[in-house]
């Protein structure tokens, strides 16, 4: 009877441990609360490098507003571009939020989203181009994922639209030692750093202002308590182990030389 009681107690403890593990590791444990944004478009910022392509009924006039492409070298992949294809030339948004366009001169564009900037340029070009069509693309749109992921790094996003889940997927998903309920996103807004904390285990993530990442966002996954403890233990015991190993090798060498 006593053995049976111990077995039952062990089974209960096992179930409780399994529940705790699930809470720490499984994404989206609660019912959907609201819907994800569907109309996300990035906001242009200082230091963005953007491509502007203009089309219209006047080919000779339109050519003035289109920068020539940069010729690539055939064979390899470099910075997200396949070499051998022509890379797009672009305009750098300066510290004042302006770009310098032929004929139009200095235009403030930072703070506008792509649709707003496109419409503004289209209106300005009507004085020179019949039926102007404007296409704007951020050429240096990238996000960085660091910490407890399998492949940390910076990732270029050619379509300017990426969710935090997709970014984590590009980084190979979280390691089992990554904290899922306290993910940090660092965002640069006009030179000021903003920090956001999100919980990947709850569906409220879909309503977060960082569900869709912006250019140059940094996602950091911190290690859990077990990983931090192991790191501390290794720092303490690792040097002792190395010293002991060195002593043993030295002793063996001295004995062998006699």
Protein backbone atom coordinates (compact mmCIF):
# COMPACT_ATOMS: atom_id res chain seq x y z
CA UNK A 1 0.00 0.00 0.00
CA UNK A 2 2.88 2.30 0.83
CA UNK A 3 4.50 1.61 -2.55
CA UNK A 4 1.21 2.40 -4.26
CA UNK A 5 0.99 5.73 -2.41
CA UNK A 6 4.52 6.64 -3.44
CA UNK A 7 3.76 5.72 -7.05
CA UNK A 8 0.65 7.88 -7.03
CA UNK A 9 2.55 10.80 -5.52
CA UNK A 10 5.27 10.45 -8.13
CA UNK A 11 2.64 10.41 -10.89
CA UNK A 12 1.05 13.63 -9.54
CA UNK A 13 4.43 15.34 -9.33
CA UNK A 14 5.21 14.24 -12.88
CA UNK A 15 1.94 15.74 -14.16
CA UNK A 16 2.58 19.01 -12.34
CA UNK A 17 6.11 19.21 -13.77
CA UNK A 18 4.75 18.51 -17.27
CA UNK A 19 2.19 21.31 -16.91
CA UNK A 20 4.87 23.75 -15.78
CA UNK A 21 7.10 22.76 -18.72
CA UNK A 22 4.23 23.28 -21.17
CA UNK A 23 3.53 26.75 -19.76
CA UNK A 24 7.15 27.73 -20.31
CA UNK A 25 7.64 26.25 -23.79
CA UNK A 26 4.37 26.21 -25.78
CA UNK A 27 3.36 29.25 -27.85
CA UNK A 28 -0.22 30.65 -27.93
CA UNK A 29 -1.71 28.86 -24.94
CA UNK A 30 -4.83 31.04 -24.64
CA UNK A 31 -7.71 31.73 -26.98
CA UNK A 32 -7.33 34.39 -29.66
CA UNK A 33 -7.92 37.92 -28.34
CA UNK A 34 -8.50 40.28 -31.25
CA UNK A 35 -6.91 40.11 -34.68
CA UNK A 36 -3.49 40.98 -36.02
CA UNK A 37 -3.01 44.21 -37.93
CA UNK A 38 -3.77 43.85 -41.62
CA UNK A 39 -2.81 47.31 -42.94
CA UNK A 40 0.77 47.54 -41.70
CA UNK A 41 3.09 49.73 -43.74
CA UNK A 42 6.54 50.87 -42.56
CA UNK A 43 7.26 54.46 -41.57
CA UNK A 44 10.26 56.08 -43.23
CA UNK A 45 13.04 57.10 -40.84
CA UNK A 46 16.34 58.95 -40.92
CA UNK A 47 19.20 56.84 -42.31
CA UNK A 48 16.80 54.75 -44.39
CA UNK A 49 18.15 54.05 -47.85
CA UNK A 50 15.23 54.10 -50.26
CA UNK A 51 14.68 53.38 -53.92
CA UNK A 52 12.37 55.73 -55.84
CA UNK A 53 11.23 54.67 -59.30
CA UNK A 54 9.12 57.04 -61.39
CA UNK A 55 7.07 56.13 -64.47
CA UNK A 56 4.76 58.23 -66.65
CA UNK A 57 3.76 59.35 -70.13
CA UNK A 58 7.00 61.30 -70.71
CA UNK A 59 9.88 58.78 -70.89
CA UNK A 60 12.53 61.44 -71.50
CA UNK A 61 11.37 63.48 -68.49
CA UNK A 62 10.90 60.45 -66.26
CA UNK A 63 14.49 59.36 -66.91
CA UNK A 64 15.74 62.42 -65.01
CA UNK A 65 14.14 61.19 -61.78
CA UNK A 66 15.39 57.59 -62.02
CA UNK A 67 18.91 56.84 -60.82
CA UNK A 68 20.90 54.33 -62.90
CA UNK A 69 21.20 50.83 -61.40
CA UNK A 70 24.42 49.60 -59.83
CA UNK A 71 25.93 46.76 -61.81
CA UNK A 72 26.64 43.61 -59.80
CA UNK A 73 29.25 40.89 -60.29
CA UNK A 74 28.07 37.51 -61.46
CA UNK A 75 28.28 34.38 -59.42
CA UNK A 76 27.57 34.89 -55.72
CA UNK A 77 25.10 36.26 -53.23
CA UNK A 78 25.98 39.47 -51.39
CA UNK A 79 23.90 41.34 -48.80
CA UNK A 80 20.66 39.80 -49.95
CA UNK A 81 21.24 40.49 -53.64
CA UNK A 82 22.23 37.94 -56.24
CA UNK A 83 25.36 39.26 -57.88
CA UNK A 84 25.04 39.54 -61.62
CA UNK A 85 21.67 41.27 -61.29
CA UNK A 86 21.52 45.03 -61.17
CA UNK A 87 21.08 46.42 -57.67
CA UNK A 88 18.81 49.41 -57.18
CA UNK A 89 20.29 52.82 -56.60
CA UNK A 90 18.71 54.86 -53.87
CA UNK A 91 18.43 57.99 -51.75
CA UNK A 92 19.61 58.28 -48.15
CA UNK A 93 17.23 60.05 -45.78
CA UNK A 94 19.49 62.50 -43.96
CA UNK A 95 19.55 63.49 -40.28
CA UNK A 96 16.91 66.15 -40.96
CA UNK A 97 14.59 63.61 -42.57
CA UNK A 98 15.14 64.92 -46.11
CA UNK A 99 16.13 63.47 -49.47
CA UNK A 100 17.55 65.37 -52.45
CA UNK A 101 15.71 64.69 -55.72
CA UNK A 102 16.57 65.99 -59.20
CA UNK A 103 14.56 69.13 -60.09
CA UNK A 104 12.35 68.80 -56.98
CA UNK A 105 15.27 69.52 -54.63
CA UNK A 106 15.11 68.83 -50.87
CA UNK A 107 11.97 67.03 -49.71
CA UNK A 108 11.15 66.03 -46.14
CA UNK A 109 10.06 62.43 -46.15
CA UNK A 110 10.89 60.95 -42.72
CA UNK A 111 7.85 60.30 -40.55
CA UNK A 112 5.66 59.39 -43.51
CA UNK A 113 4.68 55.85 -44.28
CA UNK A 114 5.34 54.53 -47.75
CA UNK A 115 1.82 55.23 -49.03
CA UNK A 116 1.90 58.82 -47.76
CA UNK A 117 5.35 59.45 -49.23
CA UNK A 118 4.30 57.94 -52.56
CA UNK A 119 1.24 60.18 -52.81
CA UNK A 120 3.22 63.30 -51.84
CA UNK A 121 5.86 62.69 -54.52
CA UNK A 122 3.22 61.89 -57.10
CA UNK A 123 1.53 65.25 -56.47
CA UNK A 124 4.84 67.12 -56.77
CA UNK A 125 5.75 65.30 -60.00
CA UNK A 126 2.48 66.24 -61.73
CA UNK A 127 4.04 69.60 -62.61
CA UNK A 128 6.67 67.79 -64.73
CA UNK A 129 5.30 64.35 -65.65
CA UNK A 130 1.95 63.37 -67.15
CA UNK A 131 0.21 60.68 -65.11
CA UNK A 132 3.19 59.98 -62.81
CA UNK A 133 3.48 56.63 -61.05
CA UNK A 134 5.81 56.39 -58.06
CA UNK A 135 7.20 53.28 -56.39
CA UNK A 136 9.16 53.53 -53.12
CA UNK A 137 11.07 50.69 -51.47
CA UNK A 138 13.27 50.62 -48.37
CA UNK A 139 16.50 48.96 -49.49
CA UNK A 140 18.10 48.55 -46.05
CA UNK A 141 15.11 47.07 -44.21
CA UNK A 142 16.57 44.54 -41.79
CA UNK A 143 15.88 43.10 -38.35
CA UNK A 144 18.26 41.53 -35.84
CA UNK A 145 17.54 38.55 -33.60
CA UNK A 146 19.93 37.86 -30.70
CA UNK A 147 20.15 35.66 -27.62
CA UNK A 148 18.79 32.15 -27.14
CA UNK A 149 18.02 31.31 -30.77
CA UNK A 150 19.67 28.74 -33.01
CA UNK A 151 20.94 31.14 -35.68
CA UNK A 152 21.29 34.70 -34.29
CA UNK A 153 22.02 37.47 -36.76
CA UNK A 154 20.67 40.28 -38.91
CA UNK A 155 18.20 39.46 -41.65
CA UNK A 156 17.35 41.54 -44.69
CA UNK A 157 13.62 41.83 -45.44
CA UNK A 158 13.02 42.60 -49.13
CA UNK A 159 9.24 43.02 -48.85
CA UNK A 160 9.40 45.38 -45.81
CA UNK A 161 6.88 43.31 -43.89
CA UNK A 162 7.85 40.80 -41.23
CA UNK A 163 6.30 39.68 -37.96
CA UNK A 164 8.24 38.90 -34.80
CA UNK A 165 7.34 35.23 -35.28
CA UNK A 166 8.74 35.22 -38.81
CA UNK A 167 11.94 36.88 -37.59
CA UNK A 168 12.35 34.23 -34.90
CA UNK A 169 11.74 31.60 -37.58
CA UNK A 170 14.55 33.07 -39.70
CA UNK A 171 16.80 32.74 -36.64
CA UNK A 172 15.99 29.03 -36.41
CA UNK A 173 13.42 29.32 -33.57
CA UNK A 174 14.14 29.65 -29.87
CA UNK A 175 16.41 27.22 -28.07
CA UNK A 176 14.76 25.27 -25.27
CA UNK A 177 16.69 27.57 -22.88
CA UNK A 178 15.06 30.73 -24.27
CA UNK A 179 12.50 32.65 -22.18
CA UNK A 180 9.27 32.81 -24.18
CA UNK A 181 7.14 35.02 -21.96
CA UNK A 182 9.45 38.04 -21.76
CA UNK A 183 10.89 38.73 -25.22
CA UNK A 184 12.53 42.14 -25.61
CA UNK A 185 12.17 44.26 -28.76
CA UNK A 186 14.34 47.37 -29.06
CA UNK A 187 13.16 49.99 -31.54
CA UNK A 188 14.80 53.21 -32.70
CA UNK A 189 12.38 56.12 -33.10
CA UNK A 190 14.07 59.31 -34.29
CA UNK A 191 17.24 58.54 -32.37
CA UNK A 192 15.44 57.44 -29.19
CA UNK A 193 15.43 53.82 -28.10
CA UNK A 194 12.13 52.23 -27.12
CA UNK A 195 11.79 48.90 -25.35
CA UNK A 196 8.82 46.55 -25.66
CA UNK A 197 8.19 43.27 -23.83
CA UNK A 198 6.03 40.58 -25.43
CA UNK A 199 4.81 37.18 -24.33
CA UNK A 200 4.98 34.49 -27.01
CA UNK A 201 2.82 32.14 -24.96
CA UNK A 202 -0.26 34.38 -25.18
CA UNK A 203 -2.23 35.40 -28.25
CA UNK A 204 -2.31 39.03 -27.08
CA UNK A 205 0.97 39.13 -29.00
CA UNK A 206 -1.05 39.68 -32.18
CA UNK A 207 -2.22 43.08 -30.89
CA UNK A 208 1.26 44.22 -29.83
CA UNK A 209 2.84 47.28 -31.51
CA UNK A 210 5.85 45.06 -32.26
CA UNK A 211 3.96 42.13 -33.80
CA UNK A 212 5.04 43.66 -37.10
CA UNK A 213 8.67 44.66 -36.81
CA UNK A 214 10.02 47.89 -38.22
CA UNK A 215 13.36 48.41 -39.94
CA UNK A 216 16.37 47.95 -37.64
CA UNK A 217 14.34 46.45 -34.78
CA UNK A 218 16.34 44.18 -32.46
CA UNK A 219 14.70 41.12 -30.91
CA UNK A 220 16.45 39.67 -27.85
CA UNK A 221 15.65 36.31 -26.27
CA UNK A 222 17.06 36.03 -22.77
CA UNK A 223 18.27 32.72 -21.27
CA UNK A 224 16.16 30.99 -18.65
CA UNK A 225 17.25 30.43 -15.05
CA UNK A 226 18.73 27.00 -15.80
CA UNK A 227 20.92 28.36 -18.60
CA UNK A 228 22.12 31.24 -16.41
CA UNK A 229 22.91 28.86 -13.56
CA UNK A 230 24.84 26.50 -15.83
CA UNK A 231 26.86 29.41 -17.16
CA UNK A 232 27.73 30.55 -13.62
CA UNK A 233 28.66 27.03 -12.52
CA UNK A 234 30.90 26.56 -15.55
CA UNK A 235 32.70 29.83 -14.90
CA UNK A 236 33.40 28.69 -11.33
CA UNK A 237 34.33 25.07 -12.04
CA UNK A 238 35.73 25.42 -15.54
CA UNK A 239 38.94 27.17 -14.45
CA UNK A 240 39.42 24.64 -11.63
CA UNK A 241 39.00 21.77 -14.10
CA UNK A 242 41.49 23.30 -16.52
CA UNK A 243 44.04 23.92 -13.73
CA UNK A 244 43.64 20.37 -12.44
CA UNK A 245 44.03 18.91 -15.93
CA UNK A 246 47.16 20.99 -16.48
CA UNK A 247 48.60 19.78 -13.17
CA UNK A 248 47.95 16.13 -14.04
CA UNK A 249 49.57 16.50 -17.49
CA UNK A 250 52.58 18.24 -15.97
CA UNK A 251 52.95 15.51 -13.32
CA UNK A 252 52.72 12.73 -15.92
CA UNK A 253 55.31 14.50 -18.06
CA UNK A 254 57.74 14.83 -15.13
CA UNK A 255 57.31 11.17 -14.15
CA UNK A 256 57.78 10.00 -17.74
CA UNK A 257 60.97 12.03 -18.18
CA UNK A 258 62.67 10.29 -15.23
